[in-house]
C-alpha cells in the first residue's frame, strides 16, 4: 500500500511542479527531496526511523505558498567541488529543514558500497556552528552511505545561514547533479 500511495503522491507532485511552478522536467532527485522535506516528523529522527510520514498536502501547499524553495541543479559537481547558497532566518520560531537528494549511478554487482557518488550537505549557522547531513545525533561524521541527506534545526538563530553541497567522492566520470529542498535562499 505504501508504494501505491507514494507513487500517486509523486505523480501529483510532478503535476504541481510542471503546471504551477513551471519546471518542465523535474528530476527524480528533486521530487524525492520535496517529498522527504515535506514529510511530517515522527519526533526526533533516529537512525533507521526514516525521514517522517509522507504529507503531500503539506508539501504542495508549502510549494504553492513559496514557504519552501527548491533547487534542481543540472550542472554536475566533480570530486572536490562544492556549491554554496545563503538564506536568511528572520523568525527563530520556524524550524529549518533542508534536504539534499541525488540519483546515484548504478554500481557494479558485488561492490563493497552501494553508493557510487558521495555528496555531503553542510549547513552553517550565523555563529559558525556546522550541521552535517543525517547527523541528528551530532556525532560529527558525514554520511557516506545514503543518497539523501537532511539537516533539521528545530530552534534556529536569526541571521544568515550557508548551505554547502560538496562532492566528497565521485566515482562516475560524468560528475553528479543534485536537488535541494529548503527555505528561501540566494545563490552565492
N, C-alpha and C. Protein backbone atom coordinates (compact mmCIF):
# COMPACT_ATOMS: atom_id res chain seq x y z
N UNK A 1 0.81 -1.19 0.00
CA UNK A 1 0.00 0.00 0.00
C UNK A 1 0.87 1.27 0.00
N UNK A 2 1.96 1.25 0.74
CA UNK A 2 2.81 2.43 0.82
C UNK A 2 3.38 2.80 -0.55
N UNK A 3 3.76 1.79 -1.34
CA UNK A 3 4.31 2.07 -2.67
C UNK A 3 3.27 2.72 -3.56
N UNK A 4 2.02 2.26 -3.49
CA UNK A 4 0.95 2.84 -4.31
C UNK A 4 0.68 4.29 -3.90
N UNK A 5 0.66 4.55 -2.61
CA UNK A 5 0.42 5.91 -2.12
C UNK A 5 1.57 6.83 -2.53
N UNK A 6 2.79 6.38 -2.38
CA UNK A 6 3.95 7.19 -2.75
C UNK A 6 4.00 7.42 -4.26
N UNK A 7 3.66 6.41 -5.04
CA UNK A 7 3.62 6.57 -6.49
C UNK A 7 2.59 7.60 -6.92
N UNK A 8 1.41 7.53 -6.32
CA UNK A 8 0.37 8.52 -6.61
C UNK A 8 0.78 9.92 -6.17
N UNK A 9 1.39 10.01 -4.99
CA UNK A 9 1.86 11.31 -4.49
C UNK A 9 2.91 11.90 -5.42
N UNK A 10 3.80 11.05 -5.94
CA UNK A 10 4.83 11.51 -6.86
C UNK A 10 4.22 12.06 -8.14
N UNK A 11 3.20 11.38 -8.66
CA UNK A 11 2.53 11.86 -9.88
C UNK A 11 1.87 13.22 -9.64
N UNK A 12 1.21 13.37 -8.51
CA UNK A 12 0.56 14.65 -8.19
C UNK A 12 1.58 15.76 -7.95
N UNK A 13 2.68 15.43 -7.30
CA UNK A 13 3.74 16.43 -7.07
C UNK A 13 4.35 16.86 -8.40
N UNK A 14 4.58 15.91 -9.29
CA UNK A 14 5.14 16.25 -10.61
C UNK A 14 4.20 17.19 -11.36
N UNK A 15 2.91 16.93 -11.28
CA UNK A 15 1.94 17.83 -11.92
C UNK A 15 2.02 19.24 -11.32
N UNK A 16 2.15 19.32 -10.01
CA UNK A 16 2.27 20.62 -9.32
C UNK A 16 3.53 21.35 -9.78
N UNK A 17 4.64 20.63 -9.85
CA UNK A 17 5.90 21.25 -10.24
C UNK A 17 5.87 21.74 -11.69
N UNK A 18 5.26 20.97 -12.59
CA UNK A 18 5.25 21.35 -14.00
C UNK A 18 4.21 22.41 -14.32
N UNK A 19 3.02 22.31 -13.74
CA UNK A 19 1.95 23.24 -14.11
C UNK A 19 1.91 24.52 -13.29
N UNK A 20 2.29 24.46 -12.04
CA UNK A 20 2.20 25.65 -11.19
C UNK A 20 3.53 26.35 -10.98
N UNK A 21 4.62 25.59 -10.97
CA UNK A 21 5.93 26.20 -10.76
C UNK A 21 6.74 26.26 -12.05
N UNK A 22 6.17 25.74 -13.13
CA UNK A 22 6.77 25.82 -14.47
C UNK A 22 8.16 25.21 -14.55
N UNK A 23 8.34 24.08 -13.90
CA UNK A 23 9.57 23.31 -14.02
C UNK A 23 9.26 22.23 -15.05
N UNK A 24 9.77 22.35 -16.29
CA UNK A 24 9.33 21.47 -17.36
C UNK A 24 9.66 20.00 -17.17
N UNK A 25 10.78 19.68 -16.56
CA UNK A 25 11.17 18.29 -16.41
C UNK A 25 11.85 18.09 -15.05
N UNK A 26 11.06 18.06 -13.96
CA UNK A 26 11.69 17.91 -12.65
C UNK A 26 12.40 16.56 -12.53
N UNK A 27 13.59 16.60 -11.97
CA UNK A 27 14.36 15.36 -11.82
C UNK A 27 13.76 14.48 -10.72
N UNK A 28 14.10 13.21 -10.77
CA UNK A 28 13.68 12.28 -9.72
C UNK A 28 14.26 12.73 -8.37
N UNK A 29 15.47 13.27 -8.39
CA UNK A 29 16.09 13.75 -7.15
C UNK A 29 15.29 14.91 -6.56
N UNK A 30 14.81 15.82 -7.40
CA UNK A 30 14.01 16.95 -6.91
C UNK A 30 12.71 16.45 -6.29
N UNK A 31 12.07 15.52 -6.95
CA UNK A 31 10.80 15.00 -6.41
C UNK A 31 11.03 14.29 -5.08
N UNK A 32 12.10 13.52 -4.99
CA UNK A 32 12.41 12.82 -3.74
C UNK A 32 12.73 13.83 -2.63
N UNK A 33 13.53 14.86 -2.95
CA UNK A 33 13.87 15.88 -1.95
C UNK A 33 12.62 16.60 -1.45
N UNK A 34 11.71 16.95 -2.37
CA UNK A 34 10.50 17.67 -1.99
C UNK A 34 9.60 16.80 -1.12
N UNK A 35 9.41 15.53 -1.50
CA UNK A 35 8.55 14.65 -0.70
C UNK A 35 9.14 14.39 0.68
N UNK A 36 10.45 14.20 0.75
CA UNK A 36 11.09 13.93 2.04
C UNK A 36 11.09 15.18 2.91
N UNK A 37 11.39 16.33 2.32
CA UNK A 37 11.44 17.56 3.12
C UNK A 37 10.05 17.95 3.63
N UNK A 38 9.02 17.61 2.87
CA UNK A 38 7.65 17.92 3.28
C UNK A 38 7.03 16.92 4.22
N UNK A 39 7.74 15.85 4.52
CA UNK A 39 7.21 14.81 5.41
C UNK A 39 7.02 15.36 6.83
N UNK A 40 5.97 14.87 7.48
CA UNK A 40 5.72 15.23 8.88
C UNK A 40 6.65 14.45 9.79
N UNK A 41 7.18 15.11 10.76
CA UNK A 41 8.11 14.50 11.70
C UNK A 41 7.42 13.45 12.57
N UNK A 42 8.17 12.42 12.91
CA UNK A 42 7.69 11.42 13.88
C UNK A 42 8.31 11.69 15.25
N UNK A 43 8.82 12.86 15.43
CA UNK A 43 9.55 13.18 16.66
C UNK A 43 11.01 13.32 16.31
N UNK A 44 11.88 12.94 17.21
CA UNK A 44 13.32 13.02 16.97
C UNK A 44 13.71 11.94 15.97
N UNK A 45 14.42 12.34 14.91
CA UNK A 45 14.85 11.38 13.88
C UNK A 45 16.03 10.59 14.39
N UNK A 46 15.90 9.30 14.34
CA UNK A 46 16.99 8.42 14.73
C UNK A 46 17.30 7.49 13.58
N UNK A 47 18.49 6.99 13.58
CA UNK A 47 18.94 6.08 12.52
C UNK A 47 17.95 4.93 12.36
N UNK A 48 17.57 4.63 11.14
CA UNK A 48 16.66 3.54 10.86
C UNK A 48 15.18 3.91 10.94
N UNK A 49 14.87 5.13 11.37
CA UNK A 49 13.48 5.54 11.55
C UNK A 49 12.93 6.26 10.33
N UNK A 50 13.77 6.70 9.43
CA UNK A 50 13.29 7.38 8.24
C UNK A 50 13.15 8.88 8.44
N UNK A 51 12.61 9.54 7.40
CA UNK A 51 12.51 10.99 7.41
C UNK A 51 11.14 11.50 7.84
N UNK A 52 10.20 10.62 8.13
CA UNK A 52 8.89 11.06 8.58
C UNK A 52 7.77 10.41 7.79
N UNK A 53 6.57 10.98 7.93
CA UNK A 53 5.37 10.46 7.29
C UNK A 53 5.04 11.32 6.08
N UNK A 54 4.84 10.68 4.93
CA UNK A 54 4.51 11.38 3.70
C UNK A 54 3.34 12.33 3.92
N UNK A 55 3.50 13.60 3.52
CA UNK A 55 2.46 14.61 3.66
C UNK A 55 2.39 15.41 2.36
N UNK A 56 1.71 14.85 1.36
CA UNK A 56 1.63 15.52 0.05
C UNK A 56 0.93 16.87 0.15
N UNK A 57 -0.12 16.95 0.95
CA UNK A 57 -0.84 18.22 1.10
C UNK A 57 0.07 19.31 1.62
N UNK A 58 0.82 18.99 2.68
CA UNK A 58 1.75 19.96 3.24
C UNK A 58 2.87 20.33 2.27
N UNK A 59 3.35 19.34 1.52
CA UNK A 59 4.42 19.58 0.55
C UNK A 59 3.95 20.53 -0.54
N UNK A 60 2.80 20.22 -1.15
CA UNK A 60 2.29 21.05 -2.26
C UNK A 60 1.85 22.42 -1.78
N UNK A 61 1.24 22.50 -0.61
CA UNK A 61 0.83 23.80 -0.08
C UNK A 61 2.04 24.69 0.18
N UNK A 62 3.10 24.12 0.74
CA UNK A 62 4.32 24.89 1.01
C UNK A 62 4.94 25.39 -0.30
N UNK A 63 4.93 24.55 -1.34
CA UNK A 63 5.47 24.98 -2.63
C UNK A 63 4.62 26.08 -3.24
N UNK A 64 3.31 25.93 -3.16
CA UNK A 64 2.40 26.93 -3.73
C UNK A 64 2.54 28.27 -3.00
N UNK A 65 2.65 28.22 -1.68
CA UNK A 65 2.76 29.45 -0.89
C UNK A 65 4.19 29.97 -0.83
N UNK A 66 5.11 29.25 -1.44
CA UNK A 66 6.51 29.64 -1.53
C UNK A 66 7.17 29.78 -0.15
N UNK A 67 6.74 28.94 0.80
CA UNK A 67 7.40 28.93 2.11
C UNK A 67 8.65 28.06 2.06
N UNK A 68 8.77 27.24 1.04
CA UNK A 68 9.97 26.46 0.78
C UNK A 68 10.46 26.79 -0.62
N UNK A 69 11.71 26.60 -0.86
CA UNK A 69 12.29 26.79 -2.19
C UNK A 69 12.92 25.47 -2.62
N UNK A 70 13.00 25.31 -3.91
CA UNK A 70 13.61 24.11 -4.47
C UNK A 70 14.72 24.50 -5.42
N UNK A 71 15.64 23.61 -5.57
CA UNK A 71 16.76 23.84 -6.47
C UNK A 71 17.04 22.53 -7.19
N UNK A 72 16.90 22.49 -8.49
CA UNK A 72 17.17 21.30 -9.29
C UNK A 72 18.45 21.56 -10.08
N UNK A 73 19.58 21.22 -9.50
CA UNK A 73 20.89 21.53 -10.07
C UNK A 73 21.26 20.52 -11.16
N UNK A 74 21.23 20.96 -12.39
CA UNK A 74 21.58 20.10 -13.52
C UNK A 74 23.08 20.12 -13.81
N UNK A 75 23.76 21.21 -13.41
CA UNK A 75 25.21 21.26 -13.62
C UNK A 75 25.86 20.35 -12.57
N UNK A 76 26.70 19.48 -13.05
CA UNK A 76 27.25 18.41 -12.22
C UNK A 76 28.49 18.85 -11.46
N UNK A 77 28.60 18.35 -10.24
CA UNK A 77 29.79 18.57 -9.44
C UNK A 77 30.79 17.46 -9.71
N UNK A 78 32.05 17.83 -9.81
CA UNK A 78 33.14 16.87 -9.90
C UNK A 78 33.75 16.72 -8.51
N UNK A 79 34.50 15.66 -8.30
CA UNK A 79 35.08 15.40 -6.98
C UNK A 79 35.85 16.61 -6.48
N UNK A 80 35.59 16.99 -5.22
CA UNK A 80 36.26 18.12 -4.59
C UNK A 80 35.55 19.45 -4.79
N UNK A 81 34.65 19.54 -5.76
CA UNK A 81 33.91 20.79 -6.00
C UNK A 81 32.76 20.92 -5.00
N UNK A 82 32.32 22.15 -4.81
CA UNK A 82 31.15 22.38 -3.95
C UNK A 82 30.35 23.55 -4.50
N UNK A 83 29.14 23.63 -4.05
CA UNK A 83 28.26 24.74 -4.40
C UNK A 83 27.68 25.27 -3.10
N UNK A 84 27.61 26.61 -2.96
CA UNK A 84 27.10 27.21 -1.73
C UNK A 84 25.91 28.11 -2.02
N UNK A 85 25.07 28.23 -1.00
CA UNK A 85 23.87 29.07 -1.05
C UNK A 85 23.74 29.74 0.32
N UNK A 86 23.12 30.90 0.33
CA UNK A 86 22.84 31.57 1.59
C UNK A 86 21.33 31.74 1.74
N UNK A 87 20.87 31.74 2.98
CA UNK A 87 19.49 32.09 3.26
C UNK A 87 19.42 32.76 4.61
N UNK A 88 18.41 33.54 4.79
CA UNK A 88 18.23 34.35 5.98
C UNK A 88 17.12 33.76 6.85
N UNK A 89 17.36 33.64 8.14
CA UNK A 89 16.33 33.26 9.09
C UNK A 89 15.95 34.50 9.87
N UNK A 90 14.70 34.92 9.72
CA UNK A 90 14.19 36.09 10.45
C UNK A 90 13.27 35.68 11.59
N UNK A 91 12.69 34.48 11.50
CA UNK A 91 11.74 34.01 12.51
C UNK A 91 12.30 32.76 13.18
N UNK A 92 12.89 32.89 14.37
CA UNK A 92 13.50 31.74 15.03
C UNK A 92 12.49 30.72 15.55
N UNK A 93 11.20 31.02 15.45
CA UNK A 93 10.19 30.06 15.90
C UNK A 93 9.88 29.01 14.82
N UNK A 94 10.35 29.25 13.59
CA UNK A 94 10.11 28.30 12.49
C UNK A 94 11.35 27.43 12.30
N UNK A 95 11.23 26.12 12.44
CA UNK A 95 12.38 25.24 12.25
C UNK A 95 12.94 25.33 10.83
N UNK A 96 14.22 25.06 10.72
CA UNK A 96 14.90 25.00 9.43
C UNK A 96 15.05 23.53 9.06
N UNK A 97 14.64 23.18 7.85
CA UNK A 97 14.81 21.80 7.37
C UNK A 97 15.25 21.87 5.92
N UNK A 98 16.39 21.23 5.63
CA UNK A 98 16.98 21.25 4.29
C UNK A 98 17.28 19.81 3.89
N UNK A 99 16.84 19.44 2.68
CA UNK A 99 17.06 18.08 2.19
C UNK A 99 17.82 18.12 0.87
N UNK A 100 18.88 17.34 0.80
CA UNK A 100 19.68 17.13 -0.40
C UNK A 100 19.40 15.72 -0.91
N UNK A 101 19.14 15.57 -2.21
CA UNK A 101 18.96 14.25 -2.81
C UNK A 101 19.64 14.21 -4.16
N UNK A 102 20.12 13.05 -4.55
CA UNK A 102 20.69 12.86 -5.88
C UNK A 102 20.39 11.43 -6.33
N UNK A 103 20.36 11.26 -7.64
CA UNK A 103 20.15 9.94 -8.22
C UNK A 103 21.52 9.36 -8.51
N UNK A 104 21.91 8.41 -7.68
CA UNK A 104 23.24 7.82 -7.78
C UNK A 104 23.30 6.85 -8.95
N UNK A 105 24.41 6.84 -9.70
CA UNK A 105 24.54 5.88 -10.80
C UNK A 105 24.55 4.44 -10.28
N UNK A 106 24.23 3.51 -11.14
CA UNK A 106 24.24 2.09 -10.78
C UNK A 106 25.67 1.64 -10.50
N UNK A 107 25.83 0.85 -9.45
CA UNK A 107 27.14 0.34 -9.07
C UNK A 107 27.39 -1.02 -9.72
N UNK A 108 28.64 -1.43 -9.72
CA UNK A 108 29.00 -2.75 -10.22
C UNK A 108 28.45 -3.82 -9.28
N UNK A 109 27.96 -4.94 -9.81
CA UNK A 109 27.49 -6.03 -8.94
C UNK A 109 28.61 -6.50 -8.02
N UNK A 110 28.29 -6.73 -6.76
CA UNK A 110 29.26 -7.22 -5.80
C UNK A 110 30.17 -6.15 -5.21
N UNK A 111 29.91 -4.88 -5.50
CA UNK A 111 30.76 -3.80 -4.96
C UNK A 111 30.60 -3.72 -3.44
N UNK A 112 31.64 -3.22 -2.78
CA UNK A 112 31.62 -3.11 -1.32
C UNK A 112 30.56 -2.11 -0.84
N UNK A 113 30.38 -1.04 -1.57
CA UNK A 113 29.43 0.00 -1.17
C UNK A 113 28.42 0.21 -2.29
N UNK A 114 27.17 0.39 -1.94
CA UNK A 114 26.14 0.62 -2.96
C UNK A 114 26.19 2.06 -3.48
N UNK A 115 26.78 2.99 -2.71
CA UNK A 115 26.85 4.39 -3.11
C UNK A 115 28.05 4.60 -4.02
N UNK A 116 27.80 5.11 -5.24
CA UNK A 116 28.87 5.37 -6.19
C UNK A 116 29.42 6.78 -5.99
N UNK A 117 28.53 7.76 -5.96
CA UNK A 117 28.93 9.16 -5.78
C UNK A 117 28.46 9.63 -4.41
N UNK A 118 29.34 10.28 -3.67
CA UNK A 118 29.02 10.74 -2.32
C UNK A 118 29.05 12.26 -2.27
N UNK A 119 27.87 12.84 -2.04
CA UNK A 119 27.76 14.28 -1.79
C UNK A 119 27.52 14.48 -0.31
N UNK A 120 27.98 15.60 0.22
CA UNK A 120 27.77 15.91 1.62
C UNK A 120 27.06 17.25 1.76
N UNK A 121 26.10 17.30 2.66
CA UNK A 121 25.35 18.51 2.99
C UNK A 121 25.87 19.07 4.30
N UNK A 122 26.24 20.36 4.28
CA UNK A 122 26.67 21.05 5.49
C UNK A 122 25.92 22.38 5.56
N UNK A 123 25.32 22.66 6.71
CA UNK A 123 24.63 23.94 6.94
C UNK A 123 25.34 24.63 8.09
N UNK A 124 25.76 25.88 7.87
CA UNK A 124 26.49 26.64 8.88
C UNK A 124 25.61 27.79 9.36
N UNK A 125 25.41 27.86 10.68
CA UNK A 125 24.55 28.91 11.24
C UNK A 125 25.32 30.23 11.38
N UNK A 126 24.63 31.32 11.77
CA UNK A 126 25.29 32.63 11.85
C UNK A 126 26.47 32.69 12.82
N UNK A 127 26.50 31.78 13.80
CA UNK A 127 27.61 31.75 14.76
C UNK A 127 28.75 30.83 14.33
N UNK A 128 28.62 30.20 13.16
CA UNK A 128 29.67 29.34 12.65
C UNK A 128 29.53 27.87 12.99
N UNK A 129 28.45 27.50 13.68
CA UNK A 129 28.23 26.08 14.00
C UNK A 129 27.81 25.34 12.74
N UNK A 130 28.47 24.20 12.47
CA UNK A 130 28.18 23.40 11.27
C UNK A 130 27.27 22.23 11.63
N UNK A 131 26.23 22.05 10.84
CA UNK A 131 25.31 20.92 10.96
C UNK A 131 25.55 20.02 9.75
N UNK A 132 25.81 18.74 9.98
CA UNK A 132 26.09 17.80 8.90
C UNK A 132 24.84 17.01 8.53
N UNK A 133 24.70 16.70 7.26
CA UNK A 133 23.56 15.93 6.78
C UNK A 133 23.45 14.57 7.45
N UNK A 134 22.25 14.22 7.90
CA UNK A 134 21.93 12.94 8.56
C UNK A 134 22.71 12.72 9.86
N UNK A 135 23.13 13.80 10.49
CA UNK A 135 23.87 13.69 11.76
C UNK A 135 23.02 14.26 12.89
N UNK A 136 21.79 13.75 13.02
CA UNK A 136 20.88 14.27 14.04
C UNK A 136 21.36 14.00 15.45
N UNK A 137 22.27 13.05 15.60
CA UNK A 137 22.80 12.74 16.93
C UNK A 137 24.11 13.46 17.20
N UNK A 138 24.50 14.40 16.30
CA UNK A 138 25.69 15.24 16.46
C UNK A 138 26.97 14.45 16.75
N UNK A 139 27.20 13.43 15.94
CA UNK A 139 28.42 12.62 16.08
C UNK A 139 29.60 13.29 15.41
N UNK A 140 29.32 14.26 14.52
CA UNK A 140 30.39 14.95 13.80
C UNK A 140 30.91 14.18 12.61
N UNK A 141 30.11 13.23 12.08
CA UNK A 141 30.53 12.42 10.94
C UNK A 141 29.63 12.68 9.75
N UNK A 142 30.24 12.76 8.57
CA UNK A 142 29.46 12.90 7.35
C UNK A 142 28.88 11.54 6.97
N UNK A 143 27.77 11.56 6.25
CA UNK A 143 27.09 10.35 5.80
C UNK A 143 27.69 9.92 4.46
N UNK A 144 28.25 8.72 4.41
CA UNK A 144 28.82 8.21 3.16
C UNK A 144 28.08 6.96 2.68
N UNK A 145 26.82 6.81 3.12
CA UNK A 145 26.05 5.61 2.80
C UNK A 145 24.79 5.93 1.99
N UNK A 146 24.17 7.08 2.22
CA UNK A 146 22.86 7.39 1.65
C UNK A 146 22.93 8.46 0.56
N UNK A 147 21.97 8.42 -0.38
CA UNK A 147 21.89 9.44 -1.42
C UNK A 147 20.81 10.48 -1.11
N UNK A 148 20.41 10.56 0.14
CA UNK A 148 19.57 11.63 0.66
C UNK A 148 20.17 12.05 1.99
N UNK A 149 20.37 13.36 2.16
CA UNK A 149 20.87 13.88 3.44
C UNK A 149 19.98 15.03 3.87
N UNK A 150 19.75 15.13 5.16
CA UNK A 150 18.87 16.18 5.68
C UNK A 150 19.48 16.80 6.93
N UNK A 151 19.29 18.12 7.05
CA UNK A 151 19.65 18.85 8.26
C UNK A 151 18.37 19.49 8.77
N UNK A 152 18.08 19.28 10.05
CA UNK A 152 16.94 19.91 10.71
C UNK A 152 17.46 20.68 11.91
N UNK A 153 17.09 21.95 11.99
CA UNK A 153 17.47 22.80 13.12
C UNK A 153 16.16 23.28 13.75
N UNK A 154 15.74 22.66 14.85
CA UNK A 154 14.43 22.98 15.43
C UNK A 154 14.31 24.40 15.99
N UNK A 155 15.41 24.93 16.54
CA UNK A 155 15.41 26.27 17.13
C UNK A 155 16.52 27.10 16.51
N UNK A 156 16.32 27.57 15.27
CA UNK A 156 17.40 28.30 14.60
C UNK A 156 17.63 29.68 15.20
N UNK A 157 18.83 30.17 15.04
CA UNK A 157 19.17 31.55 15.41
C UNK A 157 18.83 32.45 14.23
N UNK A 158 18.51 33.70 14.50
CA UNK A 158 18.28 34.63 13.39
C UNK A 158 19.61 34.98 12.75
N UNK A 159 19.57 35.27 11.47
CA UNK A 159 20.77 35.64 10.75
C UNK A 159 20.95 34.83 9.48
N UNK A 160 22.14 34.98 8.87
CA UNK A 160 22.42 34.34 7.60
C UNK A 160 23.04 32.96 7.79
N UNK A 161 22.49 32.00 7.08
CA UNK A 161 22.97 30.63 7.08
C UNK A 161 23.61 30.33 5.73
N UNK A 162 24.55 29.41 5.73
CA UNK A 162 25.19 28.96 4.49
C UNK A 162 24.94 27.48 4.32
N UNK A 163 24.51 27.11 3.12
CA UNK A 163 24.35 25.71 2.75
C UNK A 163 25.48 25.38 1.80
N UNK A 164 26.18 24.27 2.06
CA UNK A 164 27.23 23.83 1.15
C UNK A 164 26.97 22.38 0.76
N UNK A 165 26.98 22.14 -0.54
CA UNK A 165 26.90 20.78 -1.08
C UNK A 165 28.27 20.48 -1.66
N UNK A 166 28.92 19.46 -1.11
CA UNK A 166 30.29 19.13 -1.53
C UNK A 166 30.33 17.73 -2.13
N UNK A 167 31.03 17.61 -3.24
CA UNK A 167 31.25 16.31 -3.88
C UNK A 167 32.47 15.67 -3.22
N UNK A 168 32.22 14.84 -2.22
CA UNK A 168 33.32 14.22 -1.47
C UNK A 168 34.01 13.12 -2.25
N UNK A 169 33.21 12.33 -2.97
CA UNK A 169 33.77 11.23 -3.75
C UNK A 169 32.89 11.01 -4.97
N UNK A 170 33.46 11.17 -6.15
CA UNK A 170 32.73 10.98 -7.40
C UNK A 170 33.45 9.89 -8.19
N UNK A 171 32.84 8.72 -8.26
CA UNK A 171 33.45 7.60 -8.97
C UNK A 171 33.05 7.53 -10.43
N UNK A 172 31.89 8.13 -10.76
CA UNK A 172 31.48 8.15 -12.16
C UNK A 172 32.15 9.34 -12.83
N UNK A 173 32.61 9.18 -14.03
CA UNK A 173 33.36 10.22 -14.72
C UNK A 173 32.55 11.43 -15.11
N UNK A 174 31.24 11.34 -15.11
CA UNK A 174 30.41 12.45 -15.58
C UNK A 174 30.01 13.42 -14.47
N UNK A 175 30.44 13.20 -13.24
CA UNK A 175 30.06 14.08 -12.15
C UNK A 175 28.69 13.73 -11.60
N UNK A 176 28.14 14.59 -10.72
CA UNK A 176 26.86 14.30 -10.08
C UNK A 176 26.01 15.55 -9.99
N UNK A 177 24.77 15.46 -10.49
CA UNK A 177 23.79 16.52 -10.29
C UNK A 177 23.03 16.23 -9.00
N UNK A 178 22.21 17.18 -8.54
CA UNK A 178 21.51 17.01 -7.26
C UNK A 178 20.32 17.96 -7.18
N UNK A 179 19.54 17.78 -6.13
CA UNK A 179 18.41 18.67 -5.87
C UNK A 179 18.38 19.01 -4.38
N UNK A 180 17.92 20.23 -4.11
CA UNK A 180 17.75 20.69 -2.72
C UNK A 180 16.32 21.17 -2.54
N UNK A 181 15.81 20.95 -1.36
CA UNK A 181 14.51 21.49 -0.96
C UNK A 181 14.77 22.18 0.37
N UNK A 182 14.46 23.47 0.45
CA UNK A 182 14.88 24.24 1.61
C UNK A 182 14.07 25.52 1.76
N UNK A 183 14.44 26.32 2.75
CA UNK A 183 13.89 27.65 2.92
C UNK A 183 14.36 28.56 1.78
N UNK A 184 13.80 29.74 1.70
CA UNK A 184 14.17 30.73 0.68
C UNK A 184 15.67 30.98 0.74
N UNK A 185 16.31 31.04 -0.42
CA UNK A 185 17.75 31.23 -0.45
C UNK A 185 18.17 32.06 -1.65
N UNK A 186 19.39 32.52 -1.59
CA UNK A 186 20.01 33.21 -2.71
C UNK A 186 21.34 32.54 -2.99
N UNK A 187 21.63 32.30 -4.25
CA UNK A 187 22.89 31.60 -4.59
C UNK A 187 24.07 32.54 -4.39
N UNK A 188 25.17 31.93 -3.95
CA UNK A 188 26.41 32.68 -3.78
C UNK A 188 27.43 32.17 -4.76
